[in-house]
Amino acid sequence: MKPVEIYTSPMCGFCHAAKRLLKDKGVNFSEINVWSNPSRKPEMIQRANGGRTVPQIFVGDVHVGGCDDLYALERAGKLDALLAA
């Protein structure tokens, strides 16, 4: 399984929803809290091609996007293939 990274903040409902989906699927992920570690936010913005909101989700080198994008991949049946590729 490819490594999954998710940039989050603690009061973000979309972050919690994205993490819940990943946990329900048994996916281990690295969480980067940009609220408690603001020095990582410029890194997130660069990796996310200018995306400034959280969550920003990465599977391997692929920028998935945010929570809605993650759930769209799941609904389309494409998330498992992306994680396994």
N, C-alpha and C. Protein backbone atom coordinates (compact mmCIF):
# COMPACT_ATOMS: atom_id res chain seq x y z
N MET A 1 0.84 -1.18 0.00
CA MET A 1 0.00 0.00 0.00
C MET A 1 0.88 1.25 0.00
N LYS A 2 0.50 2.23 -0.79
CA LYS A 2 1.25 3.47 -0.87
C LYS A 2 1.12 4.25 0.44
N PRO A 3 2.14 5.04 0.78
CA PRO A 3 2.02 5.88 1.98
C PRO A 3 0.99 6.98 1.76
N VAL A 4 0.24 7.26 2.80
CA VAL A 4 -0.79 8.29 2.74
C VAL A 4 -0.43 9.38 3.75
N GLU A 5 -0.48 10.62 3.30
CA GLU A 5 -0.23 11.77 4.16
C GLU A 5 -1.45 12.69 4.08
N ILE A 6 -1.83 13.23 5.24
CA ILE A 6 -2.96 14.14 5.28
C ILE A 6 -2.60 15.33 6.15
N TYR A 7 -2.71 16.52 5.57
CA TYR A 7 -2.49 17.77 6.29
C TYR A 7 -3.83 18.16 6.91
N THR A 8 -3.81 18.45 8.21
CA THR A 8 -5.05 18.68 8.94
C THR A 8 -4.93 19.86 9.91
N SER A 9 -6.06 20.18 10.52
CA SER A 9 -6.09 21.03 11.70
C SER A 9 -7.13 20.42 12.64
N PRO A 10 -7.01 20.63 13.94
CA PRO A 10 -7.84 19.91 14.90
C PRO A 10 -9.33 20.25 14.87
N MET A 11 -9.71 21.44 14.44
CA MET A 11 -11.12 21.82 14.48
C MET A 11 -11.81 21.70 13.13
N CYS A 12 -11.23 20.94 12.25
CA CYS A 12 -11.74 20.80 10.89
C CYS A 12 -12.60 19.54 10.76
N GLY A 13 -13.89 19.73 10.56
CA GLY A 13 -14.79 18.59 10.40
C GLY A 13 -14.48 17.75 9.18
N PHE A 14 -14.06 18.40 8.09
CA PHE A 14 -13.70 17.66 6.88
C PHE A 14 -12.47 16.80 7.11
N CYS A 15 -11.53 17.30 7.93
CA CYS A 15 -10.34 16.52 8.27
C CYS A 15 -10.74 15.26 9.03
N HIS A 16 -11.64 15.43 9.99
CA HIS A 16 -12.10 14.27 10.78
C HIS A 16 -12.81 13.26 9.89
N ALA A 17 -13.63 13.74 8.95
CA ALA A 17 -14.35 12.84 8.04
C ALA A 17 -13.38 12.08 7.14
N ALA A 18 -12.37 12.76 6.63
CA ALA A 18 -11.39 12.10 5.76
C ALA A 18 -10.61 11.05 6.54
N LYS A 19 -10.19 11.39 7.75
CA LYS A 19 -9.45 10.43 8.58
C LYS A 19 -10.33 9.24 8.94
N ARG A 20 -11.62 9.49 9.19
CA ARG A 20 -12.54 8.40 9.53
C ARG A 20 -12.65 7.42 8.36
N LEU A 21 -12.78 7.94 7.14
CA LEU A 21 -12.86 7.05 5.97
C LEU A 21 -11.60 6.21 5.84
N LEU A 22 -10.45 6.84 5.98
CA LEU A 22 -9.19 6.10 5.87
C LEU A 22 -9.08 5.04 6.96
N LYS A 23 -9.45 5.41 8.19
CA LYS A 23 -9.39 4.44 9.29
C LYS A 23 -10.36 3.29 9.06
N ASP A 24 -11.57 3.60 8.58
CA ASP A 24 -12.57 2.55 8.31
C ASP A 24 -12.07 1.57 7.24
N LYS A 25 -11.23 2.05 6.33
CA LYS A 25 -10.67 1.20 5.29
C LYS A 25 -9.39 0.50 5.75
N GLY A 26 -8.96 0.76 6.98
CA GLY A 26 -7.75 0.14 7.50
C GLY A 26 -6.47 0.74 6.94
N VAL A 27 -6.54 1.99 6.49
CA VAL A 27 -5.38 2.65 5.89
C VAL A 27 -4.59 3.38 6.97
N ASN A 28 -3.31 3.07 7.06
CA ASN A 28 -2.42 3.83 7.94
C ASN A 28 -2.04 5.11 7.22
N PHE A 29 -1.98 6.21 7.95
CA PHE A 29 -1.62 7.48 7.33
C PHE A 29 -0.80 8.31 8.30
N SER A 30 -0.03 9.21 7.72
CA SER A 30 0.72 10.19 8.50
C SER A 30 -0.09 11.47 8.50
N GLU A 31 -0.28 12.02 9.70
CA GLU A 31 -1.04 13.26 9.83
C GLU A 31 -0.09 14.41 10.14
N ILE A 32 -0.22 15.48 9.39
CA ILE A 32 0.59 16.67 9.61
C ILE A 32 -0.37 17.78 10.02
N ASN A 33 -0.32 18.14 11.29
CA ASN A 33 -1.21 19.14 11.84
C ASN A 33 -0.61 20.52 11.60
N VAL A 34 -1.19 21.27 10.67
CA VAL A 34 -0.65 22.59 10.33
C VAL A 34 -1.06 23.66 11.34
N TRP A 35 -1.97 23.32 12.23
CA TRP A 35 -2.36 24.25 13.30
C TRP A 35 -1.26 24.28 14.36
N SER A 36 -0.83 23.12 14.78
CA SER A 36 0.21 23.06 15.82
C SER A 36 1.62 23.16 15.24
N ASN A 37 1.74 22.97 13.94
CA ASN A 37 3.04 23.04 13.28
C ASN A 37 2.91 23.92 12.03
N PRO A 38 2.72 25.24 12.22
CA PRO A 38 2.45 26.13 11.09
C PRO A 38 3.60 26.23 10.09
N SER A 39 4.79 25.84 10.47
CA SER A 39 5.91 25.88 9.53
C SER A 39 5.73 24.88 8.40
N ARG A 40 4.82 23.92 8.55
CA ARG A 40 4.57 22.92 7.50
C ARG A 40 3.52 23.38 6.48
N LYS A 41 2.81 24.49 6.78
CA LYS A 41 1.75 24.95 5.88
C LYS A 41 2.30 25.37 4.51
N PRO A 42 3.42 26.12 4.41
CA PRO A 42 3.95 26.43 3.07
C PRO A 42 4.28 25.18 2.25
N GLU A 43 4.77 24.16 2.93
CA GLU A 43 5.05 22.88 2.26
C GLU A 43 3.76 22.29 1.70
N MET A 44 2.69 22.32 2.50
CA MET A 44 1.40 21.81 2.07
C MET A 44 0.91 22.57 0.85
N ILE A 45 0.99 23.89 0.91
CA ILE A 45 0.50 24.73 -0.20
C ILE A 45 1.27 24.43 -1.48
N GLN A 46 2.57 24.26 -1.37
CA GLN A 46 3.38 23.95 -2.54
C GLN A 46 3.02 22.58 -3.10
N ARG A 47 2.95 21.58 -2.23
CA ARG A 47 2.63 20.23 -2.70
C ARG A 47 1.23 20.15 -3.29
N ALA A 48 0.31 20.97 -2.75
CA ALA A 48 -1.09 20.93 -3.19
C ALA A 48 -1.36 21.91 -4.33
N ASN A 49 -0.30 22.37 -4.98
CA ASN A 49 -0.45 23.28 -6.12
C ASN A 49 -1.29 24.51 -5.77
N GLY A 50 -1.01 25.08 -4.59
CA GLY A 50 -1.69 26.29 -4.17
C GLY A 50 -2.86 26.07 -3.24
N GLY A 51 -3.21 24.82 -2.97
CA GLY A 51 -4.32 24.53 -2.05
C GLY A 51 -3.98 24.99 -0.64
N ARG A 52 -4.84 25.83 -0.07
CA ARG A 52 -4.57 26.41 1.24
C ARG A 52 -5.46 25.86 2.35
N THR A 53 -6.50 25.13 1.96
CA THR A 53 -7.43 24.62 2.96
C THR A 53 -7.05 23.20 3.37
N VAL A 54 -7.50 22.81 4.55
CA VAL A 54 -7.29 21.45 5.00
C VAL A 54 -8.62 20.71 4.95
N PRO A 55 -8.59 19.42 4.74
CA PRO A 55 -7.40 18.60 4.57
C PRO A 55 -6.85 18.67 3.15
N GLN A 56 -5.58 18.38 3.04
CA GLN A 56 -4.94 18.12 1.75
C GLN A 56 -4.38 16.71 1.87
N ILE A 57 -4.78 15.85 0.97
CA ILE A 57 -4.50 14.42 1.08
C ILE A 57 -3.62 13.97 -0.08
N PHE A 58 -2.62 13.18 0.26
CA PHE A 58 -1.68 12.65 -0.72
C PHE A 58 -1.59 11.14 -0.56
N VAL A 59 -1.64 10.44 -1.68
CA VAL A 59 -1.42 9.00 -1.71
C VAL A 59 -0.18 8.79 -2.56
N GLY A 60 0.91 8.41 -1.91
CA GLY A 60 2.19 8.37 -2.61
C GLY A 60 2.51 9.78 -3.09
N ASP A 61 2.79 9.91 -4.37
CA ASP A 61 3.08 11.22 -4.95
C ASP A 61 1.84 11.88 -5.55
N VAL A 62 0.69 11.24 -5.44
CA VAL A 62 -0.54 11.75 -6.05
C VAL A 62 -1.28 12.64 -5.06
N HIS A 63 -1.57 13.87 -5.50
CA HIS A 63 -2.38 14.78 -4.70
C HIS A 63 -3.84 14.45 -4.96
N VAL A 64 -4.50 13.89 -3.95
CA VAL A 64 -5.91 13.53 -4.08
C VAL A 64 -6.77 14.78 -4.02
N GLY A 65 -6.42 15.70 -3.15
CA GLY A 65 -7.23 16.90 -2.93
C GLY A 65 -7.73 16.91 -1.51
N GLY A 66 -8.98 17.31 -1.34
CA GLY A 66 -9.58 17.40 -0.02
C GLY A 66 -10.50 16.24 0.29
N CYS A 67 -11.30 16.44 1.32
CA CYS A 67 -12.22 15.40 1.79
C CYS A 67 -13.22 15.00 0.71
N ASP A 68 -13.83 15.99 0.06
CA ASP A 68 -14.82 15.68 -0.98
C ASP A 68 -14.19 14.86 -2.10
N ASP A 69 -12.95 15.18 -2.45
CA ASP A 69 -12.26 14.44 -3.50
C ASP A 69 -12.00 12.99 -3.08
N LEU A 70 -11.62 12.81 -1.81
CA LEU A 70 -11.37 11.47 -1.28
C LEU A 70 -12.64 10.63 -1.33
N TYR A 71 -13.76 11.21 -0.88
CA TYR A 71 -15.03 10.49 -0.89
C TYR A 71 -15.51 10.22 -2.32
N ALA A 72 -15.22 11.14 -3.24
CA ALA A 72 -15.60 10.92 -4.64
C ALA A 72 -14.85 9.73 -5.23
N LEU A 73 -13.56 9.62 -4.90
CA LEU A 73 -12.79 8.45 -5.34
C LEU A 73 -13.38 7.16 -4.77
N GLU A 74 -13.77 7.20 -3.50
CA GLU A 74 -14.37 6.01 -2.87
C GLU A 74 -15.68 5.65 -3.55
N ARG A 75 -16.54 6.64 -3.78
CA ARG A 75 -17.84 6.37 -4.44
C ARG A 75 -17.66 5.82 -5.85
N ALA A 76 -16.62 6.29 -6.54
CA ALA A 76 -16.36 5.83 -7.90
C ALA A 76 -15.65 4.48 -7.95
N GLY A 77 -15.30 3.95 -6.77
CA GLY A 77 -14.61 2.67 -6.72
C GLY A 77 -13.15 2.74 -7.12
N LYS A 78 -12.56 3.93 -7.05
CA LYS A 78 -11.18 4.12 -7.49
C LYS A 78 -10.17 4.28 -6.35
N LEU A 79 -10.66 4.45 -5.13
CA LEU A 79 -9.72 4.70 -4.03
C LEU A 79 -8.86 3.48 -3.71
N ASP A 80 -9.46 2.30 -3.67
CA ASP A 80 -8.69 1.10 -3.35
C ASP A 80 -7.56 0.87 -4.35
N ALA A 81 -7.85 1.09 -5.63
CA ALA A 81 -6.82 0.90 -6.66
C ALA A 81 -5.71 1.92 -6.50
N LEU A 82 -6.05 3.15 -6.17
CA LEU A 82 -5.04 4.18 -5.97
C LEU A 82 -4.15 3.83 -4.77
N LEU A 83 -4.76 3.36 -3.71
CA LEU A 83 -3.99 3.00 -2.51
C LEU A 83 -3.07 1.81 -2.77
N ALA A 84 -3.53 0.88 -3.58
CA ALA A 84 -2.76 -0.35 -3.82
C ALA A 84 -1.72 -0.22 -4.92
N ALA A 85 -1.90 0.73 -5.81
CA ALA A 85 -1.02 0.84 -7.00
C ALA A 85 0.44 0.98 -6.64
